[in-house]
N, C-alpha and C. Protein backbone atom coordinates (compact mmCIF):
# COMPACT_ATOMS: atom_id res chain seq x y z
N MET A 1 0.82 -1.19 -0.02
CA MET A 1 0.01 0.02 -0.02
C MET A 1 0.85 1.26 0.01
N SER A 2 2.09 1.12 0.38
CA SER A 2 2.91 2.34 0.41
C SER A 2 3.21 2.91 -0.93
N ASN A 3 3.00 2.15 -1.99
CA ASN A 3 3.21 2.66 -3.36
C ASN A 3 2.08 3.57 -3.86
N TRP A 4 0.96 3.59 -3.15
CA TRP A 4 -0.14 4.39 -3.57
C TRP A 4 0.15 5.87 -3.33
N PRO A 5 -0.22 6.71 -4.26
CA PRO A 5 0.02 8.13 -4.10
C PRO A 5 -0.82 8.68 -2.94
N GLN A 6 -0.34 9.66 -2.25
CA GLN A 6 -1.10 10.31 -1.21
C GLN A 6 -1.90 11.46 -1.85
N HIS A 7 -3.13 11.54 -1.59
CA HIS A 7 -3.95 12.57 -2.18
C HIS A 7 -3.99 13.73 -1.17
N ASP A 8 -3.71 14.93 -1.70
CA ASP A 8 -3.67 16.13 -0.91
C ASP A 8 -5.06 16.68 -0.84
N ARG A 9 -5.86 16.17 0.13
CA ARG A 9 -7.22 16.65 0.33
C ARG A 9 -7.37 17.09 1.72
N LEU A 10 -7.92 18.27 1.87
CA LEU A 10 -8.21 18.79 3.19
C LEU A 10 -9.73 18.79 3.37
N PRO A 11 -10.29 18.20 4.42
CA PRO A 11 -11.70 18.20 4.61
C PRO A 11 -12.22 19.60 4.90
N THR A 12 -13.45 19.90 4.53
CA THR A 12 -14.10 21.13 4.89
C THR A 12 -14.52 20.98 6.32
N VAL A 13 -14.10 21.88 7.16
CA VAL A 13 -14.36 21.76 8.58
C VAL A 13 -15.09 23.00 9.12
N ASP A 14 -16.17 22.77 9.85
CA ASP A 14 -16.85 23.82 10.54
C ASP A 14 -16.00 24.24 11.74
N PRO A 15 -15.65 25.52 11.87
CA PRO A 15 -14.79 25.94 12.96
C PRO A 15 -15.38 25.61 14.34
N ASP A 16 -16.67 25.43 14.46
CA ASP A 16 -17.28 25.09 15.73
C ASP A 16 -17.49 23.57 15.95
N ALA A 17 -16.99 22.77 15.01
CA ALA A 17 -17.18 21.30 15.05
C ALA A 17 -16.43 20.74 16.26
N ASN A 18 -17.06 19.78 16.96
CA ASN A 18 -16.42 19.15 18.07
C ASN A 18 -16.53 17.64 18.07
N ALA A 19 -16.95 17.10 16.89
CA ALA A 19 -17.08 15.64 16.71
C ALA A 19 -16.90 15.32 15.25
N SER A 20 -16.75 14.06 14.92
CA SER A 20 -16.61 13.67 13.50
C SER A 20 -17.11 12.29 13.26
N VAL A 21 -17.34 11.97 12.00
CA VAL A 21 -17.67 10.62 11.62
C VAL A 21 -16.49 10.11 10.78
N THR A 22 -16.03 8.93 11.12
CA THR A 22 -14.89 8.36 10.42
C THR A 22 -15.21 7.04 9.79
N GLY A 23 -14.41 6.59 8.88
CA GLY A 23 -14.63 5.36 8.24
C GLY A 23 -13.63 5.07 7.19
N THR A 24 -13.85 4.08 6.37
CA THR A 24 -12.96 3.77 5.28
C THR A 24 -13.73 3.61 3.97
N VAL A 25 -12.97 3.78 2.87
CA VAL A 25 -13.54 3.52 1.53
C VAL A 25 -12.73 2.37 0.95
N THR A 26 -13.44 1.36 0.48
CA THR A 26 -12.75 0.24 -0.22
C THR A 26 -13.19 0.24 -1.64
N VAL A 27 -12.19 0.29 -2.53
CA VAL A 27 -12.42 0.25 -3.97
C VAL A 27 -11.83 -1.04 -4.51
N GLN A 28 -12.61 -1.85 -5.24
CA GLN A 28 -12.12 -3.11 -5.77
C GLN A 28 -12.27 -3.15 -7.27
N LEU A 29 -11.27 -3.74 -7.91
CA LEU A 29 -11.33 -4.08 -9.33
C LEU A 29 -11.69 -5.54 -9.41
N ARG A 30 -12.81 -5.87 -10.10
CA ARG A 30 -13.24 -7.23 -10.14
C ARG A 30 -13.52 -7.69 -11.60
N ASP A 31 -13.25 -8.97 -11.79
CA ASP A 31 -13.58 -9.58 -13.12
C ASP A 31 -15.03 -10.02 -12.99
N THR A 32 -15.91 -9.35 -13.72
CA THR A 32 -17.35 -9.64 -13.64
C THR A 32 -17.84 -10.24 -14.94
N SER A 33 -17.02 -11.07 -15.56
CA SER A 33 -17.36 -11.65 -16.85
C SER A 33 -18.44 -12.74 -16.74
N LEU A 34 -18.33 -13.53 -15.73
CA LEU A 34 -19.24 -14.71 -15.62
C LEU A 34 -20.47 -14.40 -14.84
N MET A 35 -21.60 -14.85 -15.30
CA MET A 35 -22.85 -14.65 -14.59
C MET A 35 -23.05 -15.83 -13.60
N ASP A 36 -23.81 -15.57 -12.53
CA ASP A 36 -24.14 -16.59 -11.54
C ASP A 36 -22.90 -17.19 -10.87
N VAL A 37 -21.80 -16.44 -10.84
CA VAL A 37 -20.59 -16.88 -10.15
C VAL A 37 -20.03 -15.58 -9.45
N ALA A 38 -19.44 -15.84 -8.28
CA ALA A 38 -18.85 -14.71 -7.58
C ALA A 38 -17.77 -14.07 -8.43
N SER A 39 -17.70 -12.79 -8.46
CA SER A 39 -16.67 -12.10 -9.24
C SER A 39 -15.31 -12.27 -8.64
N GLU A 40 -14.23 -12.32 -9.47
CA GLU A 40 -12.92 -12.53 -8.99
C GLU A 40 -12.25 -11.15 -8.68
N LEU A 41 -11.70 -11.08 -7.48
CA LEU A 41 -11.01 -9.85 -7.05
C LEU A 41 -9.66 -9.79 -7.75
N ILE A 42 -9.43 -8.69 -8.47
CA ILE A 42 -8.20 -8.46 -9.18
C ILE A 42 -7.25 -7.62 -8.37
N ALA A 43 -7.78 -6.51 -7.84
CA ALA A 43 -6.99 -5.57 -6.99
C ALA A 43 -7.94 -4.76 -6.07
N GLU A 44 -7.32 -4.19 -5.09
CA GLU A 44 -8.15 -3.47 -4.09
C GLU A 44 -7.31 -2.31 -3.51
N GLN A 45 -7.99 -1.24 -3.18
CA GLN A 45 -7.38 -0.11 -2.42
C GLN A 45 -8.30 0.18 -1.29
N VAL A 46 -7.80 0.31 -0.09
CA VAL A 46 -8.56 0.72 1.07
C VAL A 46 -8.03 2.08 1.48
N ILE A 47 -8.89 3.02 1.59
CA ILE A 47 -8.60 4.39 1.91
C ILE A 47 -9.13 4.70 3.30
N ALA A 48 -8.24 4.87 4.28
CA ALA A 48 -8.62 5.17 5.65
C ALA A 48 -8.83 6.67 5.74
N ASN A 49 -9.82 7.08 6.49
CA ASN A 49 -10.07 8.49 6.69
C ASN A 49 -10.21 9.29 5.35
N PRO A 50 -11.17 8.88 4.54
CA PRO A 50 -11.23 9.42 3.16
C PRO A 50 -11.66 10.85 3.05
N GLY A 51 -12.29 11.42 4.09
CA GLY A 51 -12.80 12.76 3.97
C GLY A 51 -14.13 12.76 3.25
N GLN A 52 -14.44 13.95 2.68
CA GLN A 52 -15.75 14.08 2.02
C GLN A 52 -15.72 13.45 0.60
N VAL A 53 -16.88 13.03 0.17
CA VAL A 53 -17.01 12.57 -1.20
C VAL A 53 -17.06 13.75 -2.16
N PRO A 54 -16.60 13.64 -3.37
CA PRO A 54 -16.06 12.40 -3.98
C PRO A 54 -14.64 12.13 -3.42
N VAL A 55 -14.34 10.86 -3.34
CA VAL A 55 -13.07 10.38 -2.84
C VAL A 55 -12.20 9.93 -4.02
N ALA A 56 -11.05 10.54 -4.15
CA ALA A 56 -10.13 10.14 -5.22
C ALA A 56 -9.55 8.76 -4.91
N PHE A 57 -9.36 7.93 -5.95
CA PHE A 57 -8.80 6.63 -5.72
C PHE A 57 -7.94 6.25 -6.91
N GLU A 58 -7.06 5.29 -6.69
CA GLU A 58 -6.22 4.73 -7.76
C GLU A 58 -5.89 3.31 -7.40
N VAL A 59 -6.50 2.32 -8.05
CA VAL A 59 -6.32 0.93 -7.76
C VAL A 59 -5.29 0.40 -8.72
N TYR A 60 -4.12 -0.04 -8.20
CA TYR A 60 -3.07 -0.60 -9.02
C TYR A 60 -3.36 -2.06 -9.25
N TYR A 61 -3.10 -2.53 -10.48
CA TYR A 61 -3.31 -3.94 -10.82
C TYR A 61 -2.21 -4.37 -11.79
N ASN A 62 -2.02 -5.71 -11.90
CA ASN A 62 -1.05 -6.25 -12.80
C ASN A 62 -1.71 -6.45 -14.17
N GLU A 63 -1.18 -5.86 -15.21
CA GLU A 63 -1.77 -6.00 -16.54
C GLU A 63 -1.87 -7.45 -17.01
N ASP A 64 -0.97 -8.33 -16.48
CA ASP A 64 -0.98 -9.72 -16.88
C ASP A 64 -2.25 -10.45 -16.32
N ASP A 65 -2.95 -9.82 -15.34
CA ASP A 65 -4.18 -10.43 -14.75
C ASP A 65 -5.37 -10.04 -15.59
N ILE A 66 -5.22 -9.25 -16.62
CA ILE A 66 -6.36 -8.77 -17.40
C ILE A 66 -6.42 -9.56 -18.71
N ASN A 67 -7.63 -10.13 -18.95
CA ASN A 67 -7.90 -10.84 -20.20
C ASN A 67 -8.76 -9.89 -21.05
N PRO A 68 -8.29 -9.46 -22.20
CA PRO A 68 -9.02 -8.50 -22.99
C PRO A 68 -10.41 -8.92 -23.42
N ARG A 69 -10.70 -10.25 -23.34
CA ARG A 69 -12.02 -10.73 -23.66
C ARG A 69 -13.01 -10.64 -22.50
N ASN A 70 -12.50 -10.40 -21.31
CA ASN A 70 -13.35 -10.37 -20.13
C ASN A 70 -13.86 -8.95 -19.81
N THR A 71 -14.79 -8.92 -18.89
CA THR A 71 -15.39 -7.62 -18.44
C THR A 71 -14.95 -7.34 -17.02
N TYR A 72 -14.55 -6.12 -16.77
CA TYR A 72 -14.10 -5.72 -15.46
C TYR A 72 -14.85 -4.51 -14.98
N SER A 73 -15.07 -4.45 -13.68
CA SER A 73 -15.81 -3.31 -13.15
C SER A 73 -15.19 -2.91 -11.80
N ILE A 74 -15.48 -1.66 -11.40
CA ILE A 74 -15.03 -1.10 -10.14
C ILE A 74 -16.20 -1.16 -9.18
N GLN A 75 -15.98 -1.59 -7.97
CA GLN A 75 -16.91 -1.60 -6.91
C GLN A 75 -16.41 -0.73 -5.77
N ALA A 76 -17.27 -0.03 -5.12
CA ALA A 76 -16.87 0.83 -4.01
C ALA A 76 -17.82 0.63 -2.82
N ARG A 77 -17.22 0.71 -1.65
CA ARG A 77 -18.04 0.65 -0.41
C ARG A 77 -17.46 1.60 0.61
N ILE A 78 -18.35 2.25 1.32
CA ILE A 78 -17.90 3.13 2.43
C ILE A 78 -18.41 2.49 3.71
N THR A 79 -17.46 2.28 4.62
CA THR A 79 -17.77 1.64 5.90
C THR A 79 -17.50 2.61 7.05
N GLU A 80 -18.47 2.74 7.98
CA GLU A 80 -18.23 3.61 9.13
C GLU A 80 -17.25 2.92 10.07
N SER A 81 -16.68 3.72 10.97
CA SER A 81 -15.63 3.18 11.87
C SER A 81 -16.10 2.05 12.73
N ASP A 82 -17.40 1.92 13.00
CA ASP A 82 -17.91 0.81 13.80
C ASP A 82 -18.25 -0.41 12.95
N GLY A 83 -17.90 -0.36 11.62
CA GLY A 83 -18.11 -1.52 10.76
C GLY A 83 -19.41 -1.48 9.97
N ARG A 84 -20.27 -0.56 10.29
CA ARG A 84 -21.55 -0.50 9.55
C ARG A 84 -21.33 0.01 8.11
N LEU A 85 -21.98 -0.63 7.18
CA LEU A 85 -21.94 -0.21 5.80
C LEU A 85 -22.73 1.01 5.58
N ALA A 86 -22.05 2.07 5.06
CA ALA A 86 -22.75 3.33 4.78
C ALA A 86 -23.12 3.49 3.34
N PHE A 87 -22.39 2.87 2.41
CA PHE A 87 -22.67 2.97 1.00
C PHE A 87 -22.01 1.80 0.25
N ILE A 88 -22.70 1.30 -0.74
CA ILE A 88 -22.09 0.36 -1.74
C ILE A 88 -22.76 0.68 -3.07
N ASN A 89 -21.97 0.67 -4.11
CA ASN A 89 -22.58 0.96 -5.42
C ASN A 89 -23.41 -0.21 -5.88
N ASP A 90 -24.53 0.14 -6.52
CA ASP A 90 -25.44 -0.89 -7.01
C ASP A 90 -25.52 -0.87 -8.56
N THR A 91 -24.60 -0.15 -9.17
CA THR A 91 -24.50 -0.03 -10.61
C THR A 91 -23.12 -0.54 -11.03
N ALA A 92 -23.05 -1.28 -12.10
CA ALA A 92 -21.75 -1.71 -12.62
C ALA A 92 -21.04 -0.55 -13.33
N TYR A 93 -19.83 -0.29 -12.97
CA TYR A 93 -18.96 0.71 -13.63
C TYR A 93 -17.85 -0.01 -14.33
N TYR A 94 -18.06 -0.31 -15.59
CA TYR A 94 -17.12 -1.10 -16.35
C TYR A 94 -15.88 -0.30 -16.67
N VAL A 95 -14.73 -0.98 -16.63
CA VAL A 95 -13.43 -0.37 -16.86
C VAL A 95 -12.51 -1.25 -17.67
N ILE A 96 -11.47 -0.70 -18.24
CA ILE A 96 -10.28 -1.33 -18.82
C ILE A 96 -10.56 -1.97 -20.19
N THR A 97 -11.43 -2.94 -20.35
CA THR A 97 -11.63 -3.64 -21.62
C THR A 97 -12.87 -3.18 -22.33
N ARG A 98 -13.04 -3.60 -23.56
CA ARG A 98 -14.20 -3.38 -24.37
C ARG A 98 -14.48 -1.88 -24.56
N GLY A 99 -13.42 -1.06 -24.71
CA GLY A 99 -13.56 0.34 -24.90
C GLY A 99 -13.96 1.16 -23.74
N ASN A 100 -13.90 0.56 -22.52
CA ASN A 100 -14.23 1.25 -21.30
C ASN A 100 -13.00 2.01 -20.79
N PRO A 101 -13.20 3.08 -20.01
CA PRO A 101 -12.08 3.93 -19.54
C PRO A 101 -11.31 3.24 -18.45
N THR A 102 -10.13 3.73 -18.14
CA THR A 102 -9.34 3.26 -17.04
C THR A 102 -9.42 4.29 -15.92
């Protein structure tokens, strides 16, 4: 994880604030080619203390793990510090192959 770039983001803070909500953002690159089968995890980035959305991310992967005939998508989840799920995407965001962006 130390190879990941550090994002220079400063949260917007109310000068009278005396509490905060903390959590993590997990972004996964998955092979979602096959139906009715669990998708294969290709790579993952976990961002602790992500600040406000939108959260910048950069998931590193090995190009040798990518089959140009397969379909890949990015999945994201935000988890509160107590482990409760705050957000998970419910739409497929296709990347890398078949003319999709990186």
